[in-house]
């Protein structure tokens, strides 16, 4: 059972890093002229919001997964011995 959770955690970490690697370069400077129209500025702002939501969501999922792993590991190792 521990192999399953270890592999699951590793898989989630790889997916999170891969998603970040795909999202971050998408907003890199494309060499556009400095004079952008209002529509282009609005589209760029929308992309920034999307990136913030994706990164924040991934961070939240990873924190909840880490907390769940700690709780699961702690509960598994706890022994109820009579005093």
PDB file of N, CA and C in Angstrom:
ATOM      1  N   UNK A   1       0.818  -1.187   0.000  1.00  0.00           N
ATOM      2  CA  UNK A   1       0.000   0.000   0.000  1.00  0.00           C
ATOM      3  C   UNK A   1       0.868   1.259   0.000  1.00  0.00           C
ATOM      4  N   UNK A   2       1.978   1.225   0.716  1.00  0.00           N
ATOM      5  CA  UNK A   2       2.830   2.413   0.771  1.00  0.00           C
ATOM      6  C   UNK A   2       3.455   2.691  -0.603  1.00  0.00           C
ATOM      7  N   UNK A   3       3.706   1.624  -1.385  1.00  0.00           N
ATOM      8  CA  UNK A   3       4.244   1.827  -2.736  1.00  0.00           C
ATOM      9  C   UNK A   3       3.242   2.592  -3.596  1.00  0.00           C
ATOM     10  N   UNK A   4       1.963   2.297  -3.404  1.00  0.00           N
ATOM     11  CA  UNK A   4       0.935   2.983  -4.171  1.00  0.00           C
ATOM     12  C   UNK A   4       0.952   4.478  -3.890  1.00  0.00           C
ATOM     13  N   UNK A   5       0.986   4.851  -2.595  1.00  0.00           N
ATOM     14  CA  UNK A   5       0.967   6.269  -2.238  1.00  0.00           C
ATOM     15  C   UNK A   5       2.267   6.961  -2.622  1.00  0.00           C
ATOM     16  N   UNK A   6       3.373   6.244  -2.555  1.00  0.00           N
ATOM     17  CA  UNK A   6       4.648   6.825  -2.977  1.00  0.00           C
ATOM     18  C   UNK A   6       4.628   7.105  -4.470  1.00  0.00           C
ATOM     19  N   UNK A   7       4.161   6.146  -5.229  1.00  0.00           N
ATOM     20  CA  UNK A   7       4.072   6.340  -6.688  1.00  0.00           C
ATOM     21  C   UNK A   7       3.058   7.422  -7.038  1.00  0.00           C
ATOM     22  N   UNK A   8       1.955   7.460  -6.308  1.00  0.00           N
ATOM     23  CA  UNK A   8       0.944   8.495  -6.543  1.00  0.00           C
ATOM     24  C   UNK A   8       1.519   9.879  -6.275  1.00  0.00           C
ATOM     25  N   UNK A   9       2.247  10.021  -5.177  1.00  0.00           N
ATOM     26  CA  UNK A   9       2.867  11.306  -4.851  1.00  0.00           C
ATOM     27  C   UNK A   9       3.888  11.718  -5.890  1.00  0.00           C
ATOM     28  N   UNK A  10       4.703  10.771  -6.346  1.00  0.00           N
ATOM     29  CA  UNK A  10       5.694  11.076  -7.366  1.00  0.00           C
ATOM     30  C   UNK A  10       5.020  11.460  -8.677  1.00  0.00           C
ATOM     31  N   UNK A  11       3.958  10.775  -9.025  1.00  0.00           N
ATOM     32  CA  UNK A  11       3.239  11.086 -10.254  1.00  0.00           C
ATOM     33  C   UNK A  11       2.616  12.484 -10.184  1.00  0.00           C
ATOM     34  N   UNK A  12       2.025  12.815  -9.044  1.00  0.00           N
ATOM     35  CA  UNK A  12       1.435  14.152  -8.885  1.00  0.00           C
ATOM     36  C   UNK A  12       2.502  15.242  -8.957  1.00  0.00           C
ATOM     37  N   UNK A  13       3.662  14.991  -8.378  1.00  0.00           N
ATOM     38  CA  UNK A  13       4.745  15.973  -8.431  1.00  0.00           C
ATOM     39  C   UNK A  13       5.222  16.179  -9.864  1.00  0.00           C
ATOM     40  N   UNK A  14       5.363  15.091 -10.614  1.00  0.00           N
ATOM     41  CA  UNK A  14       5.795  15.201 -12.006  1.00  0.00           C
ATOM     42  C   UNK A  14       4.750  15.944 -12.836  1.00  0.00           C
ATOM     43  N   UNK A  15       3.486  15.653 -12.610  1.00  0.00           N
ATOM     44  CA  UNK A  15       2.428  16.350 -13.344  1.00  0.00           C
ATOM     45  C   UNK A  15       2.403  17.835 -13.016  1.00  0.00           C
ATOM     46  N   UNK A  16       2.611  18.180 -11.754  1.00  0.00           N
ATOM     47  CA  UNK A  16       2.614  19.590 -11.358  1.00  0.00           C
ATOM     48  C   UNK A  16       3.775  20.338 -11.995  1.00  0.00           C
ATOM     49  N   UNK A  17       4.953  19.734 -11.984  1.00  0.00           N
ATOM     50  CA  UNK A  17       6.121  20.382 -12.597  1.00  0.00           C
ATOM     51  C   UNK A  17       5.926  20.503 -14.101  1.00  0.00           C
ATOM     52  N   UNK A  18       5.375  19.473 -14.717  1.00  0.00           N
ATOM     53  CA  UNK A  18       5.123  19.527 -16.164  1.00  0.00           C
ATOM     54  C   UNK A  18       4.111  20.616 -16.510  1.00  0.00           C
ATOM     55  N   UNK A  19       3.060  20.729 -15.717  1.00  0.00           N
ATOM     56  CA  UNK A  19       2.055  21.762 -15.968  1.00  0.00           C
ATOM     57  C   UNK A  19       2.655  23.151 -15.812  1.00  0.00           C
ATOM     58  N   UNK A  20       3.486  23.336 -14.810  1.00  0.00           N
ATOM     59  CA  UNK A  20       4.130  24.635 -14.627  1.00  0.00           C
ATOM     60  C   UNK A  20       5.078  24.935 -15.780  1.00  0.00           C
ATOM     61  N   UNK A  21       5.771  23.913 -16.260  1.00  0.00           N
ATOM     62  CA  UNK A  21       6.686  24.121 -17.380  1.00  0.00           C
ATOM     63  C   UNK A  21       5.927  24.507 -18.643  1.00  0.00           C
ATOM     64  N   UNK A  22       4.705  24.042 -18.777  1.00  0.00           N
ATOM     65  CA  UNK A  22       3.899  24.387 -19.951  1.00  0.00           C
ATOM     66  C   UNK A  22       3.242  25.756 -19.810  1.00  0.00           C
ATOM     67  N   UNK A  23       2.861  26.123 -18.609  1.00  0.00           N
ATOM     68  CA  UNK A  23       2.135  27.373 -18.392  1.00  0.00           C
ATOM     69  C   UNK A  23       3.070  28.577 -18.413  1.00  0.00           C
ATOM     70  N   UNK A  24       4.211  28.483 -17.764  1.00  0.00           N
ATOM     71  CA  UNK A  24       5.099  29.636 -17.622  1.00  0.00           C
ATOM     72  C   UNK A  24       5.634  30.121 -18.970  1.00  0.00           C
ATOM     73  N   UNK A  25       6.155  29.258 -19.851  1.00  0.00           N
ATOM     74  CA  UNK A  25       6.636  29.779 -21.133  1.00  0.00           C
ATOM     75  C   UNK A  25       5.516  30.336 -22.021  1.00  0.00           C
ATOM     76  N   UNK A  26       4.297  29.949 -21.782  1.00  0.00           N
ATOM     77  CA  UNK A  26       3.188  30.445 -22.594  1.00  0.00           C
ATOM     78  C   UNK A  26       3.008  31.945 -22.436  1.00  0.00           C
ATOM     79  N   UNK A  27       3.435  32.494 -21.312  1.00  0.00           N
ATOM     80  CA  UNK A  27       3.294  33.926 -21.078  1.00  0.00           C
ATOM     81  C   UNK A  27       4.613  34.666 -21.244  1.00  0.00           C
ATOM     82  N   UNK A  28       5.583  34.041 -21.863  1.00  0.00           N
ATOM     83  CA  UNK A  28       6.874  34.699 -22.070  1.00  0.00           C
ATOM     84  C   UNK A  28       6.723  35.800 -23.117  1.00  0.00           C
ATOM     85  N   UNK A  29       7.666  36.725 -23.130  1.00  0.00           N
ATOM     86  CA  UNK A  29       7.636  37.835 -24.078  1.00  0.00           C
ATOM     87  C   UNK A  29       7.752  37.291 -25.496  1.00  0.00           C
ATOM     88  N   UNK A  30       6.815  37.686 -26.347  1.00  0.00           N
ATOM     89  CA  UNK A  30       6.801  37.181 -27.720  1.00  0.00           C
ATOM     90  C   UNK A  30       7.431  38.152 -28.700  1.00  0.00           C
ATOM     91  N   UNK A  31       7.989  39.232 -28.204  1.00  0.00           N
ATOM     92  CA  UNK A  31       8.646  40.192 -29.077  1.00  0.00           C
ATOM     93  C   UNK A  31       7.684  41.113 -29.806  1.00  0.00           C
ATOM     94  N   UNK A  32       6.504  41.333 -29.240  1.00  0.00           N
ATOM     95  CA  UNK A  32       5.533  42.228 -29.875  1.00  0.00           C
ATOM     96  C   UNK A  32       5.991  43.674 -29.737  1.00  0.00           C
ATOM     97  N   UNK A  33       5.475  44.501 -30.590  1.00  0.00           N
ATOM     98  CA  UNK A  33       5.795  45.927 -30.542  1.00  0.00           C
ATOM     99  C   UNK A  33       5.238  46.529 -29.255  1.00  0.00           C
ATOM    100  N   UNK A  34       5.898  47.545 -28.703  1.00  0.00           N
ATOM    101  CA  UNK A  34       5.428  48.129 -27.441  1.00  0.00           C
ATOM    102  C   UNK A  34       4.042  48.760 -27.530  1.00  0.00           C
ATOM    103  N   UNK A  35       3.657  49.236 -28.689  1.00  0.00           N
ATOM    104  CA  UNK A  35       2.346  49.868 -28.837  1.00  0.00           C
ATOM    105  C   UNK A  35       1.298  48.790 -29.079  1.00  0.00           C
ATOM    106  N   UNK A  36       0.635  48.355 -28.013  1.00  0.00           N
ATOM    107  CA  UNK A  36      -0.386  47.321 -28.126  1.00  0.00           C
ATOM    108  C   UNK A  36      -1.765  47.971 -28.056  1.00  0.00           C
ATOM    109  N   UNK A  37      -2.720  47.371 -28.718  1.00  0.00           N
ATOM    110  CA  UNK A  37      -4.080  47.892 -28.679  1.00  0.00           C
ATOM    111  C   UNK A  37      -4.748  47.502 -27.373  1.00  0.00           C
ATOM    112  N   UNK A  38      -5.882  48.096 -27.088  1.00  0.00           N
ATOM    113  CA  UNK A  38      -6.581  47.781 -25.834  1.00  0.00           C
ATOM    114  C   UNK A  38      -7.028  46.328 -25.802  1.00  0.00           C
ATOM    115  N   UNK A  39      -7.398  45.773 -26.915  1.00  0.00           N
ATOM    116  CA  UNK A  39      -7.809  44.360 -26.973  1.00  0.00           C
ATOM    117  C   UNK A  39      -6.664  43.432 -26.630  1.00  0.00           C
ATOM    118  N   UNK A  40      -5.477  43.761 -27.111  1.00  0.00           N
ATOM    119  CA  UNK A  40      -4.313  42.938 -26.808  1.00  0.00           C
ATOM    120  C   UNK A  40      -3.944  43.051 -25.329  1.00  0.00           C
ATOM    121  N   UNK A  41      -4.064  44.240 -24.767  1.00  0.00           N
ATOM    122  CA  UNK A  41      -3.774  44.414 -23.345  1.00  0.00           C
ATOM    123  C   UNK A  41      -4.765  43.625 -22.494  1.00  0.00           C
ATOM    124  N   UNK A  42      -6.036  43.628 -22.883  1.00  0.00           N
ATOM    125  CA  UNK A  42      -7.052  42.875 -22.150  1.00  0.00           C
ATOM    126  C   UNK A  42      -6.789  41.378 -22.246  1.00  0.00           C
ATOM    127  N   UNK A  43      -6.374  40.917 -23.417  1.00  0.00           N
ATOM    128  CA  UNK A  43      -6.056  39.501 -23.587  1.00  0.00           C
ATOM    129  C   UNK A  43      -4.855  39.113 -22.733  1.00  0.00           C
ATOM    130  N   UNK A  44      -3.852  39.994 -22.651  1.00  0.00           N
ATOM    131  CA  UNK A  44      -2.679  39.710 -21.830  1.00  0.00           C
ATOM    132  C   UNK A  44      -3.058  39.659 -20.357  1.00  0.00           C
ATOM    133  N   UNK A  45      -3.928  40.561 -19.911  1.00  0.00           N
ATOM    134  CA  UNK A  45      -4.375  40.553 -18.516  1.00  0.00           C
ATOM    135  C   UNK A  45      -5.154  39.283 -18.213  1.00  0.00           C
ATOM    136  N   UNK A  46      -5.963  38.830 -19.166  1.00  0.00           N
ATOM    137  CA  UNK A  46      -6.717  37.598 -18.980  1.00  0.00           C
ATOM    138  C   UNK A  46      -5.773  36.411 -18.851  1.00  0.00           C
ATOM    139  N   UNK A  47      -4.700  36.402 -19.630  1.00  0.00           N
ATOM    140  CA  UNK A  47      -3.706  35.331 -19.541  1.00  0.00           C
ATOM    141  C   UNK A  47      -3.009  35.323 -18.194  1.00  0.00           C
ATOM    142  N   UNK A  48      -2.753  36.520 -17.636  1.00  0.00           N
ATOM    143  CA  UNK A  48      -2.125  36.604 -16.320  1.00  0.00           C
ATOM    144  C   UNK A  48      -3.039  36.030 -15.242  1.00  0.00           C
ATOM    145  N   UNK A  49      -4.326  36.324 -15.350  1.00  0.00           N
ATOM    146  CA  UNK A  49      -5.280  35.797 -14.374  1.00  0.00           C
ATOM    147  C   UNK A  49      -5.364  34.282 -14.491  1.00  0.00           C
ATOM    148  N   UNK A  50      -5.377  33.767 -15.693  1.00  0.00           N
ATOM    149  CA  UNK A  50      -5.437  32.319 -15.906  1.00  0.00           C
ATOM    150  C   UNK A  50      -4.208  31.644 -15.312  1.00  0.00           C
ATOM    151  N   UNK A  51      -3.041  32.219 -15.560  1.00  0.00           N
ATOM    152  CA  UNK A  51      -1.818  31.644 -15.016  1.00  0.00           C
ATOM    153  C   UNK A  51      -1.847  31.656 -13.488  1.00  0.00           C
ATOM    154  N   UNK A  52      -2.316  32.752 -12.902  1.00  0.00           N
ATOM    155  CA  UNK A  52      -2.383  32.838 -11.445  1.00  0.00           C
ATOM    156  C   UNK A  52      -3.329  31.784 -10.877  1.00  0.00           C
ATOM    157  N   UNK A  53      -4.464  31.566 -11.536  1.00  0.00           N
ATOM    158  CA  UNK A  53      -5.411  30.556 -11.068  1.00  0.00           C
ATOM    159  C   UNK A  53      -4.844  29.149 -11.187  1.00  0.00           C
ATOM    160  N   UNK A  54      -4.149  28.869 -12.290  1.00  0.00           N
ATOM    161  CA  UNK A  54      -3.572  27.534 -12.486  1.00  0.00           C
ATOM    162  C   UNK A  54      -2.484  27.268 -11.456  1.00  0.00           C
ATOM    163  N   UNK A  55      -1.573  28.214 -11.286  1.00  0.00           N
ATOM    164  CA  UNK A  55      -0.478  28.024 -10.335  1.00  0.00           C
ATOM    165  C   UNK A  55      -1.009  27.940  -8.911  1.00  0.00           C
ATOM    166  N   UNK A  56      -1.958  28.796  -8.561  1.00  0.00           N
ATOM    167  CA  UNK A  56      -2.549  28.746  -7.227  1.00  0.00           C
ATOM    168  C   UNK A  56      -3.292  27.443  -6.978  1.00  0.00           C
ATOM    169  N   UNK A  57      -4.017  26.978  -7.986  1.00  0.00           N
ATOM    170  CA  UNK A  57      -4.735  25.702  -7.849  1.00  0.00           C
ATOM    171  C   UNK A  57      -3.784  24.535  -7.667  1.00  0.00           C
ATOM    172  N   UNK A  58      -2.699  24.519  -8.434  1.00  0.00           N
ATOM    173  CA  UNK A  58      -1.711  23.443  -8.287  1.00  0.00           C
ATOM    174  C   UNK A  58      -1.044  23.493  -6.920  1.00  0.00           C
ATOM    175  N   UNK A  59      -0.737  24.682  -6.447  1.00  0.00           N
ATOM    176  CA  UNK A  59      -0.131  24.814  -5.124  1.00  0.00           C
ATOM    177  C   UNK A  59      -1.090  24.305  -4.049  1.00  0.00           C
ATOM    178  N   UNK A  60      -2.365  24.635  -4.173  1.00  0.00           N
ATOM    179  CA  UNK A  60      -3.362  24.178  -3.207  1.00  0.00           C
ATOM    180  C   UNK A  60      -3.461  22.652  -3.202  1.00  0.00           C
ATOM    181  N   UNK A  61      -3.524  22.060  -4.382  1.00  0.00           N
ATOM    182  CA  UNK A  61      -3.636  20.600  -4.483  1.00  0.00           C
ATOM    183  C   UNK A  61      -2.408  19.931  -3.880  1.00  0.00           C
ATOM    184  N   UNK A  62      -1.216  20.458  -4.159  1.00  0.00           N
ATOM    185  CA  UNK A  62      -0.002  19.862  -3.611  1.00  0.00           C
ATOM    186  C   UNK A  62       0.056  20.000  -2.094  1.00  0.00           C
ATOM    187  N   UNK A  63      -0.389  21.132  -1.552  1.00  0.00           N
ATOM    188  CA  UNK A  63      -0.390  21.302  -0.098  1.00  0.00           C
ATOM    189  C   UNK A  63      -1.379  20.341   0.572  1.00  0.00           C
ATOM    190  N   UNK A  64      -2.551  20.178  -0.009  1.00  0.00           N
ATOM    191  CA  UNK A  64      -3.541  19.269   0.557  1.00  0.00           C
ATOM    192  C   UNK A  64      -3.036  17.827   0.464  1.00  0.00           C
ATOM    193  N   UNK A  65      -2.391  17.474  -0.650  1.00  0.00           N
ATOM    194  CA  UNK A  65      -1.836  16.127  -0.798  1.00  0.00           C
ATOM    195  C   UNK A  65      -0.729  15.880   0.222  1.00  0.00           C
ATOM    196  N   UNK A  66       0.128  16.862   0.434  1.00  0.00           N
ATOM    197  CA  UNK A  66       1.200  16.711   1.423  1.00  0.00           C
ATOM    198  C   UNK A  66       0.622  16.563   2.824  1.00  0.00           C
ATOM    199  N   UNK A  67      -0.379  17.363   3.169  1.00  0.00           N
ATOM    200  CA  UNK A  67      -1.010  17.266   4.489  1.00  0.00           C
ATOM    201  C   UNK A  67      -1.688  15.910   4.664  1.00  0.00           C
ATOM    202  N   UNK A  68      -2.366  15.447   3.630  1.00  0.00           N
ATOM    203  CA  UNK A  68      -3.001  14.128   3.694  1.00  0.00           C
ATOM    204  C   UNK A  68      -1.976  13.015   3.861  1.00  0.00           C
ATOM    205  N   UNK A  69      -0.846  13.135   3.161  1.00  0.00           N
ATOM    206  CA  UNK A  69       0.214  12.138   3.307  1.00  0.00           C
ATOM    207  C   UNK A  69       0.787  12.115   4.705  1.00  0.00           C
ATOM    208  N   UNK A  70       0.981  13.279   5.292  1.00  0.00           N
ATOM    209  CA  UNK A  70       1.502  13.348   6.664  1.00  0.00           C
ATOM    210  C   UNK A  70       0.502  12.727   7.636  1.00  0.00           C
ATOM    211  N   UNK A  71      -0.767  13.071   7.496  1.00  0.00           N
ATOM    212  CA  UNK A  71      -1.779  12.496   8.387  1.00  0.00           C
ATOM    213  C   UNK A  71      -1.879  10.983   8.223  1.00  0.00           C
ATOM    214  N   UNK A  72      -1.852  10.520   6.984  1.00  0.00           N
ATOM    215  CA  UNK A  72      -1.947   9.079   6.730  1.00  0.00           C
ATOM    216  C   UNK A  72      -0.745   8.358   7.324  1.00  0.00           C
ATOM    217  N   UNK A  73       0.453   8.889   7.111  1.00  0.00           N
ATOM    218  CA  UNK A  73       1.652   8.250   7.620  1.00  0.00           C
ATOM    219  C   UNK A  73       1.655   8.255   9.145  1.00  0.00           C
ATOM    220  N   UNK A  74       1.230   9.352   9.755  1.00  0.00           N
ATOM    221  CA  UNK A  74       1.182   9.438  11.217  1.00  0.00           C
ATOM    222  C   UNK A  74       0.178   8.439  11.781  1.00  0.00           C
ATOM    223  N   UNK A  75      -0.994   8.347  11.178  1.00  0.00           N
ATOM    224  CA  UNK A  75      -2.022   7.425  11.663  1.00  0.00           C
ATOM    225  C   UNK A  75      -1.587   5.971  11.476  1.00  0.00           C
ATOM    226  N   UNK A  76      -0.858   5.701  10.430  1.00  0.00           N
ATOM    227  CA  UNK A  76      -0.418   4.332  10.155  1.00  0.00           C
ATOM    228  C   UNK A  76       0.623   3.884  11.171  1.00  0.00           C
ATOM    229  N   UNK A  77       1.491   4.794  11.590  1.00  0.00           N
ATOM    230  CA  UNK A  77       2.567   4.454  12.516  1.00  0.00           C
ATOM    231  C   UNK A  77       2.149   4.518  13.983  1.00  0.00           C
ATOM    232  N   UNK A  78       0.957   4.981  14.257  1.00  0.00           N
ATOM    233  CA  UNK A  78       0.517   5.141  15.645  1.00  0.00           C
ATOM    234  C   UNK A  78       0.096   3.783  16.200  1.00  0.00           C
ATOM    235  N   UNK A  79       0.637   3.437  17.366  1.00  0.00           N
ATOM    236  CA  UNK A  79       0.309   2.176  18.012  1.00  0.00           C
ATOM    237  C   UNK A  79      -0.493   2.469  19.269  1.00  0.00           C
ATOM    238  N   UNK A  80      -1.580   1.781  19.442  1.00  0.00           N
ATOM    239  CA  UNK A  80      -2.390   1.945  20.637  1.00  0.00           C
ATOM    240  C   UNK A  80      -2.000   0.864  21.631  1.00  0.00           C
ATOM    241  N   UNK A  81      -1.135   1.208  22.552  1.00  0.00           N
ATOM    242  CA  UNK A  81      -0.688   0.252  23.547  1.00  0.00           C
ATOM    243  C   UNK A  81      -1.360   0.568  24.879  1.00  0.00           C
ATOM    244  N   UNK A  82      -1.823  -0.460  25.568  1.00  0.00           N
ATOM    245  CA  UNK A  82      -2.431  -0.199  26.878  1.00  0.00           C
ATOM    246  C   UNK A  82      -1.376   0.220  27.895  1.00  0.00           C
ATOM    247  N   UNK A  83      -1.769   1.091  28.800  1.00  0.00           N
ATOM    248  CA  UNK A  83      -0.826   1.583  29.813  1.00  0.00           C
ATOM    249  C   UNK A  83      -0.803   0.669  31.000  1.00  0.00           C
TER     250      UNK A  83
END
